[in-house]
Amino acid sequence: MCGRTACTLAPDDICQSCTYRDGGGEKREPKWRDPPGDQKYYPSHNIAPGAHTPVIISGGHRFGFEEQSISSERVIQPMQWGLVPSWHKGSPKKVSYETNNCRSESMMERPTYKTPLQKGRRCVVLADGFFEWKRDQAKKQPYFIYFPDKRTTASGEDNCNFPKVKKEEVENKNVVKHEMDIKEEKVKLKQEVGDEDQSEIDFNNENVCVKQEVKSETTGCTGRGIQEREDGGTNKILLTMAGVFDVWKPSSGSQPVLSYSVITVESSPAMTKVHHRMPALLLNDKEIQEWLDYENVPLEKAIKHIRATEEIQMHPVSDVVNNSRNKTPDCTKPIDPTKPKTTPSSNLMMKWLSKGKKETSVEPSAKRIKTEAE
């Protein structure tokens, strides 16, 4: 299962981070293509289903809304998380069953996934990492799961073809621009709904926007190591999840909706400690290429890459991630779950108690002597 992710890069940085080698061995960057209409991708440390996130597809796919032709083997195309089948009737926001994840065991049996897979609609979902919740008795502890920071090939050399994330700040204006496009009453939803867990509300579906300071991770932000590059910059590795996508076109002739599901498998032993399901992760550029290249690599061959892997790292994070409105770096920062949880009210109480203790401990000695004499 994969129910929440993080992706904190701006479009240009994502393209630079997904550099690959083409058939001739030349380094290339995939081209970015905006989704149709008013559909947008917004970087965030806490992304819920319903939002648009970046996925890589083969440049051979054409959807009819492109303003200009893109000549590239790979295209980064933001799509809606939660597949809307091409044959769906009615609003694309009202699919009668959950399609955020696609179980690998049954994906070739269910028409929702089988039909687009047979059409070659294979994609690679990009993210800094994903979240999963480990149930410990009555409590659920969230974890952030991602690729190890240092990956090598079988020969021991750095795998330079693997997508990497540059260490660059993404300014708040690049992360949460859409509050300017949301009506004032939607911004006030926080006061209307209170402080309860809003995990059931889709805050990414243009229903709400809470202005927050959101920046991409810097050194130590998530506990992940930062690699030094030859050019003096730094990298860390993007998670690459196998996915299936489809194109829904309305009868009215308006803009289509591109959407995807994350393919999941039974967890590896490392992941089982947290959850029994995990995304199918593509581990190197060869696997990525074979999954994307629907024109030359048949599905029967590409599907061998759909399996569990031990190539993951994880750490516990704060339960602030439980609320999809919270999109700050606190969602991915490592915590020690054995330490008592502190809140503003508990901090205030501790200050009050320590103040009272200090005042009682400095009682003037003269007063004590006078009392004893009486």
Protein backbone atom coordinates (compact mmCIF):
# COMPACT_ATOMS: atom_id res chain seq x y z
CA MET A 1 0.00 0.00 0.00
CA CYS A 2 1.11 3.56 -0.69
CA GLY A 3 -1.18 6.27 0.64
CA ARG A 4 1.02 9.34 0.95
CA THR A 5 4.23 10.56 -0.71
CA ALA A 6 6.59 13.55 -0.71
CA CYS A 7 8.03 15.33 -3.74
CA THR A 8 9.69 18.66 -3.00
CA LEU A 9 11.36 19.73 -6.25
CA ALA A 10 10.35 22.36 -8.78
CA PRO A 11 9.87 21.17 -12.40
CA ASP A 12 13.29 22.30 -13.69
CA ASP A 13 15.05 20.55 -10.82
CA ILE A 14 13.11 17.34 -11.42
CA CYS A 15 14.19 17.28 -15.06
CA GLN A 16 17.84 17.85 -14.13
CA SER A 17 17.59 15.16 -11.47
CA CYS A 18 16.29 12.57 -13.94
CA THR A 19 19.20 12.75 -16.38
CA TYR A 20 19.60 9.51 -18.32
CA ARG A 21 21.63 8.08 -21.21
CA ASP A 22 19.89 7.66 -24.53
CA GLY A 23 20.37 4.80 -26.99
CA GLY A 24 23.61 6.37 -28.21
CA GLY A 25 25.05 6.74 -24.71
CA GLU A 26 24.56 10.52 -24.59
CA LYS A 27 23.32 12.15 -21.40
CA ARG A 28 19.85 13.63 -21.78
CA GLU A 29 17.27 15.37 -19.64
CA PRO A 30 13.62 14.38 -19.98
CA LYS A 31 11.34 17.20 -21.08
CA TRP A 32 8.66 18.63 -18.80
CA ARG A 33 5.10 18.83 -20.11
CA ASP A 34 2.41 20.59 -18.08
CA PRO A 35 -0.89 18.76 -17.58
CA PRO A 36 -3.89 20.03 -19.56
CA GLY A 37 -6.14 22.85 -18.41
CA ASP A 38 -5.85 24.13 -14.86
CA GLN A 39 -4.38 20.91 -13.48
CA LYS A 40 -1.12 21.69 -11.66
CA TYR A 41 1.74 20.04 -9.77
CA TYR A 42 2.73 21.61 -6.44
CA PRO A 43 5.88 20.43 -4.60
CA SER A 44 5.10 19.24 -1.08
CA HIS A 45 6.44 17.22 1.85
CA ASN A 46 3.01 15.58 2.20
CA ILE A 47 1.10 14.56 -0.94
CA ALA A 48 -2.24 12.77 -0.75
CA PRO A 49 -4.16 10.95 -3.51
CA GLY A 50 -6.02 13.32 -5.79
CA ALA A 51 -3.01 15.59 -6.23
CA HIS A 52 -0.93 15.86 -9.40
CA THR A 53 2.58 14.48 -9.12
CA PRO A 54 5.39 14.01 -11.68
CA VAL A 55 5.68 10.73 -13.56
CA ILE A 56 8.02 9.70 -16.37
CA ILE A 57 6.50 8.31 -19.56
CA SER A 58 7.86 7.40 -22.97
CA GLY A 59 8.04 10.26 -25.44
CA GLY A 60 6.03 8.13 -27.85
CA HIS A 61 2.75 8.81 -26.02
CA ARG A 62 0.49 11.47 -27.53
CA PHE A 63 -2.72 12.66 -25.91
CA GLY A 64 -4.07 15.38 -28.21
CA PHE A 65 -3.73 18.35 -25.85
CA GLU A 66 -0.05 19.07 -26.51
CA GLU A 67 0.55 22.64 -27.68
CA GLN A 68 3.83 21.64 -29.29
CA SER A 69 5.56 18.42 -30.18
CA ILE A 70 8.27 17.27 -27.76
CA SER A 71 11.14 15.33 -29.25
CA SER A 72 12.44 13.32 -26.32
CA GLU A 73 12.73 9.65 -25.38
CA ARG A 74 11.33 10.51 -21.97
CA VAL A 75 8.78 13.07 -20.84
CA ILE A 76 7.93 14.09 -17.28
CA GLN A 77 4.17 14.48 -17.27
CA PRO A 78 2.36 15.37 -14.01
CA MET A 79 -0.73 13.22 -13.57
CA GLN A 80 -3.49 12.85 -11.02
CA TRP A 81 -2.81 10.22 -8.37
CA GLY A 82 -5.76 7.83 -8.56
CA LEU A 83 -6.45 6.23 -11.92
CA VAL A 84 -9.64 7.22 -13.76
CA PRO A 85 -10.41 4.47 -16.33
CA SER A 86 -10.85 5.66 -19.92
CA TRP A 87 -14.32 4.07 -19.98
CA HIS A 88 -15.51 5.75 -16.76
CA LYS A 89 -18.88 7.48 -17.01
CA GLY A 90 -19.64 10.65 -15.10
CA SER A 91 -17.33 12.97 -13.19
CA PRO A 92 -13.65 11.92 -13.09
CA LYS A 93 -13.66 12.93 -9.42
CA LYS A 94 -16.23 10.24 -8.61
CA VAL A 95 -14.71 6.84 -9.32
CA SER A 96 -16.69 4.24 -7.35
CA TYR A 97 -13.63 2.35 -6.08
CA GLU A 98 -10.10 3.15 -4.94
CA THR A 99 -7.46 3.24 -7.65
CA ASN A 100 -4.56 4.89 -5.81
CA ASN A 101 -2.76 1.55 -5.78
CA CYS A 102 -2.81 -1.39 -8.18
CA ARG A 103 -2.09 -4.85 -6.80
CA SER A 104 0.42 -6.63 -9.05
CA GLU A 105 -1.21 -10.01 -8.39
CA SER A 106 -4.47 -8.99 -10.04
CA MET A 107 -3.52 -6.16 -12.42
CA MET A 108 -3.71 -8.43 -15.48
CA GLU A 109 -7.19 -9.59 -14.46
CA ARG A 110 -8.92 -6.28 -13.74
CA PRO A 111 -9.89 -4.29 -16.87
CA THR A 112 -9.12 -1.04 -15.02
CA TYR A 113 -5.40 -1.87 -15.20
CA LYS A 114 -5.17 -4.61 -17.83
CA THR A 115 -6.53 -2.44 -20.64
CA PRO A 116 -4.08 0.48 -20.23
CA LEU A 117 -1.16 -1.91 -19.65
CA GLN A 118 -1.93 -3.67 -22.91
CA LYS A 119 -1.89 -0.24 -24.59
CA GLY A 120 1.61 0.37 -23.25
CA ARG A 121 0.56 2.93 -20.68
CA ARG A 122 3.41 2.25 -18.26
CA CYS A 123 4.89 5.05 -16.17
CA VAL A 124 7.47 5.70 -13.44
CA VAL A 125 6.18 7.66 -10.45
CA LEU A 126 8.76 10.04 -8.95
CA ALA A 127 8.98 10.96 -5.26
CA ASP A 128 11.45 11.78 -2.52
CA GLY A 129 9.86 8.86 -0.68
CA PHE A 130 6.56 7.50 0.59
CA PHE A 131 4.91 7.18 3.99
CA GLU A 132 3.56 4.10 5.68
CA TRP A 133 2.02 3.55 9.10
CA LYS A 134 3.11 0.77 11.45
CA ARG A 135 0.42 -0.36 13.85
CA ASP A 136 1.77 -0.76 17.37
CA GLN A 137 -1.10 -1.94 19.55
CA ALA A 138 -3.62 0.92 19.46
CA LYS A 139 -1.19 3.46 18.00
CA LYS A 140 -0.01 3.97 14.41
CA GLN A 141 3.55 5.19 13.94
CA PRO A 142 4.26 6.83 10.56
CA TYR A 143 7.51 6.06 8.71
CA PHE A 144 9.17 7.73 5.74
CA ILE A 145 10.64 5.22 3.25
CA TYR A 146 13.16 6.05 0.53
CA PHE A 147 16.10 4.74 -1.47
CA PRO A 148 19.51 4.41 0.22
CA ASP A 149 21.66 7.47 -0.39
CA LYS A 150 24.58 5.54 -1.86
CA ARG A 151 23.90 3.09 -4.69
CA THR A 152 26.49 1.24 -6.69
CA THR A 153 26.52 -1.07 -9.68
CA ALA A 154 27.64 -4.70 -9.54
CA SER A 155 31.15 -3.53 -10.48
CA GLY A 156 31.27 -1.25 -7.46
CA GLU A 157 31.05 1.99 -9.47
CA ASP A 158 28.53 4.71 -8.76
CA ASN A 159 25.34 4.24 -10.73
CA CYS A 160 25.41 7.64 -12.48
CA ASN A 161 22.30 6.85 -14.51
CA PHE A 162 20.07 6.66 -11.46
CA PRO A 163 17.80 9.68 -10.93
CA LYS A 164 19.15 12.00 -8.25
CA VAL A 165 17.82 15.07 -6.48
CA LYS A 166 19.90 18.22 -6.34
CA LYS A 167 20.19 19.93 -2.96
CA GLU A 168 18.54 23.25 -3.78
CA GLU A 169 15.98 25.24 -1.89
CA VAL A 170 12.58 25.49 -3.51
CA GLU A 171 11.21 28.85 -2.44
CA ASN A 172 7.77 29.09 -0.95
CA LYS A 173 6.52 30.87 -4.09
CA ASN A 174 7.38 27.74 -6.14
CA VAL A 175 5.75 25.37 -3.68
CA VAL A 176 2.39 26.75 -2.65
CA LYS A 177 1.43 29.25 -5.37
CA HIS A 178 -2.13 28.11 -5.63
CA GLU A 179 -3.41 29.95 -2.56
CA MET A 180 -3.80 32.98 -4.83
CA ASP A 181 -6.29 31.00 -6.92
CA ILE A 182 -8.41 29.70 -4.04
CA LYS A 183 -11.39 31.61 -2.68
CA GLU A 184 -11.15 33.17 0.78
CA GLU A 185 -13.77 30.93 2.33
CA LYS A 186 -11.73 27.85 1.39
CA VAL A 187 -8.69 29.26 3.16
CA LYS A 188 -10.82 29.52 6.29
CA LEU A 189 -11.65 25.82 6.25
CA LYS A 190 -9.20 25.18 9.07
CA GLN A 191 -11.35 27.23 11.47
CA GLU A 192 -14.51 25.57 10.23
CA VAL A 193 -13.36 21.98 10.62
CA GLY A 194 -11.33 22.41 13.79
CA ASP A 195 -8.16 20.53 14.73
CA GLU A 196 -9.43 17.01 14.10
CA ASP A 197 -7.64 14.62 11.78
CA GLN A 198 -8.72 15.61 8.26
CA SER A 199 -7.29 12.57 6.48
CA GLU A 200 -10.67 11.95 4.83
CA ILE A 201 -10.77 15.42 3.24
CA ASP A 202 -9.04 15.89 -0.11
CA PHE A 203 -7.13 19.12 0.46
CA ASN A 204 -5.25 18.67 -2.81
CA ASN A 205 -8.35 18.67 -4.97
CA GLU A 206 -8.68 22.48 -5.08
CA ASN A 207 -10.88 22.43 -1.98
CA VAL A 208 -8.50 24.15 0.38
CA CYS A 209 -5.16 25.84 0.59
CA VAL A 210 -3.32 26.58 3.82
CA LYS A 211 -0.36 28.89 3.29
CA GLN A 212 2.75 27.35 4.83
CA GLU A 213 6.46 27.84 4.53
CA VAL A 214 7.63 24.84 2.54
CA LYS A 215 11.19 24.33 1.34
CA SER A 216 13.03 21.41 -0.13
CA GLU A 217 15.19 19.34 2.16
CA THR A 218 18.58 20.63 3.17
CA THR A 219 21.41 18.71 4.75
CA GLY A 220 20.11 16.65 7.65
CA CYS A 221 16.46 17.64 7.13
CA THR A 222 15.24 14.09 6.74
CA GLY A 223 18.22 12.29 8.16
CA ARG A 224 19.27 11.21 4.68
CA GLY A 225 22.93 11.60 3.77
CA ILE A 226 23.94 14.06 1.07
CA GLN A 227 26.42 13.02 -1.63
CA GLU A 228 29.06 15.36 -3.04
CA ARG A 229 29.11 15.66 -6.82
CA GLU A 230 32.18 16.30 -8.96
CA ASP A 231 30.89 19.77 -9.80
CA GLY A 232 30.69 20.68 -6.12
CA GLY A 233 26.93 20.24 -5.83
CA THR A 234 25.09 17.62 -3.85
CA ASN A 235 22.64 14.85 -4.68
CA LYS A 236 20.25 12.46 -3.12
CA ILE A 237 18.24 9.82 -4.90
CA LEU A 238 14.66 10.00 -6.12
CA LEU A 239 12.36 7.07 -5.50
CA THR A 240 11.16 5.49 -8.76
CA MET A 241 7.92 3.51 -8.48
CA ALA A 242 6.39 1.46 -11.29
CA GLY A 243 2.95 2.67 -12.27
CA VAL A 244 0.15 2.33 -14.80
CA PHE A 245 -1.72 5.30 -16.24
CA ASP A 246 -4.80 6.00 -18.33
CA VAL A 247 -6.41 8.89 -20.20
CA TRP A 248 -10.02 9.88 -19.51
CA LYS A 249 -11.67 12.09 -22.13
CA PRO A 250 -14.97 13.82 -21.40
CA SER A 251 -17.82 13.61 -23.91
CA SER A 252 -18.03 17.41 -23.86
CA GLY A 253 -14.70 17.62 -25.63
CA SER A 254 -13.03 19.54 -22.80
CA GLN A 255 -9.56 18.77 -21.48
CA PRO A 256 -8.68 15.12 -20.71
CA VAL A 257 -7.58 13.83 -17.33
CA LEU A 258 -4.32 11.89 -17.11
CA SER A 259 -4.14 9.72 -13.99
CA TYR A 260 -2.13 6.82 -12.57
CA SER A 261 -1.96 4.07 -9.99
CA VAL A 262 1.12 2.92 -8.09
CA ILE A 263 1.76 -0.81 -8.58
CA THR A 264 2.22 -2.58 -5.25
CA VAL A 265 3.61 -5.98 -4.23
CA GLU A 266 3.97 -8.10 -1.12
CA SER A 267 6.57 -6.44 1.11
CA SER A 268 10.19 -7.49 1.37
CA PRO A 269 11.45 -8.61 4.81
CA ALA A 270 12.81 -5.11 5.46
CA MET A 271 9.46 -3.48 4.71
CA THR A 272 7.36 -6.12 6.47
CA LYS A 273 8.40 -4.61 9.79
CA VAL A 274 6.19 -1.65 8.93
CA HIS A 275 3.56 -2.91 6.43
CA HIS A 276 2.70 -6.01 4.40
CA ARG A 277 2.55 -4.10 1.06
CA MET A 278 5.01 -1.82 -0.71
CA PRO A 279 5.37 -0.09 -4.12
CA ALA A 280 7.17 -1.96 -6.90
CA LEU A 281 10.47 -0.05 -7.09
CA LEU A 282 12.62 0.18 -10.21
CA LEU A 283 16.22 -0.04 -9.06
CA ASN A 284 18.31 1.31 -11.94
CA ASP A 285 18.09 3.01 -15.29
CA LYS A 286 17.96 -0.26 -17.21
CA GLU A 287 14.83 -1.30 -15.33
CA ILE A 288 13.34 2.15 -15.81
CA GLN A 289 14.01 2.06 -19.55
CA GLU A 290 12.52 -1.40 -20.01
CA TRP A 291 9.39 -0.43 -18.08
CA LEU A 292 8.91 2.75 -20.13
CA ASP A 293 9.80 1.38 -23.57
CA TYR A 294 6.44 -0.13 -24.49
CA GLU A 295 7.28 0.01 -28.22
CA ASN A 296 10.28 -2.34 -27.98
CA VAL A 297 9.93 -4.16 -24.66
CA PRO A 298 6.80 -6.35 -24.39
CA LEU A 299 4.82 -6.28 -21.18
CA GLU A 300 5.70 -9.93 -20.47
CA LYS A 301 9.38 -8.94 -20.24
CA ALA A 302 8.95 -5.61 -18.48
CA ILE A 303 6.73 -7.13 -15.81
CA LYS A 304 9.67 -9.09 -14.36
CA HIS A 305 10.76 -5.86 -12.67
CA ILE A 306 7.56 -5.82 -10.62
CA ARG A 307 8.78 -7.35 -7.37
CA ALA A 308 9.72 -6.45 -3.80
CA THR A 309 13.17 -5.15 -2.90
CA GLU A 310 15.36 -4.72 0.14
CA GLU A 311 16.91 -1.56 -1.35
CA ILE A 312 15.15 0.84 1.01
CA GLN A 313 15.83 2.93 4.08
CA MET A 314 13.29 4.31 6.52
CA HIS A 315 12.88 6.30 9.69
CA PRO A 316 9.97 7.18 11.99
CA VAL A 317 8.44 10.63 11.56
CA SER A 318 6.06 12.85 13.49
CA ASP A 319 2.33 12.24 13.32
CA VAL A 320 1.94 15.74 11.86
CA VAL A 321 1.97 13.88 8.52
CA ASN A 322 -1.36 12.29 9.46
CA ASN A 323 -3.10 15.53 8.55
CA SER A 324 -2.85 16.20 4.81
CA ARG A 325 -2.95 19.95 5.42
CA ASN A 326 0.52 19.79 6.98
CA LYS A 327 3.06 20.08 4.18
CA THR A 328 6.18 21.37 5.94
CA PRO A 329 9.57 19.59 6.27
CA ASP A 330 8.46 18.39 9.72
CA CYS A 331 6.54 15.66 7.87
CA THR A 332 9.78 13.93 6.79
CA LYS A 333 12.15 14.77 9.66
CA PRO A 334 13.27 11.73 11.69
CA ILE A 335 12.10 11.50 15.29
CA ASP A 336 12.74 9.25 18.27
CA PRO A 337 9.33 7.67 19.04
CA THR A 338 10.53 6.61 22.51
CA LYS A 339 10.80 10.22 23.65
CA PRO A 340 7.71 11.87 25.16
CA LYS A 341 5.78 13.92 22.67
CA THR A 342 5.92 17.66 23.29
CA THR A 343 3.16 20.08 22.39
CA PRO A 344 2.87 23.88 22.79
CA SER A 345 0.61 23.37 25.83
CA SER A 346 3.01 20.90 27.46
CA ASN A 347 5.94 23.24 26.85
CA LEU A 348 3.98 26.08 28.47
CA MET A 349 3.18 23.91 31.46
CA MET A 350 6.84 22.94 31.90
CA LYS A 351 7.88 26.61 31.81
CA TRP A 352 5.21 27.45 34.39
CA LEU A 353 6.28 24.62 36.69
CA SER A 354 9.96 25.48 36.43
CA LYS A 355 9.17 29.12 37.14
CA GLY A 356 7.20 28.21 40.24
CA LYS A 357 9.97 25.90 41.45
CA LYS A 358 12.54 28.66 41.03
CA GLU A 359 10.44 31.16 42.98
CA THR A 360 9.92 28.79 45.95
CA SER A 361 13.60 27.88 46.10
CA VAL A 362 14.82 31.45 46.62
CA GLU A 363 12.87 32.27 49.78
CA PRO A 364 14.92 34.86 51.75
CA SER A 365 16.82 33.34 54.65
CA ALA A 366 15.92 36.32 56.85
CA LYS A 367 12.25 35.48 56.55
CA ARG A 368 12.89 31.89 57.55
CA ILE A 369 14.89 33.02 60.61
CA LYS A 370 12.14 35.41 61.67
CA THR A 371 9.57 32.67 61.42
CA GLU A 372 11.64 30.32 63.54
CA ALA A 373 12.14 33.06 66.19
CA GLU A 374 8.43 33.64 66.45
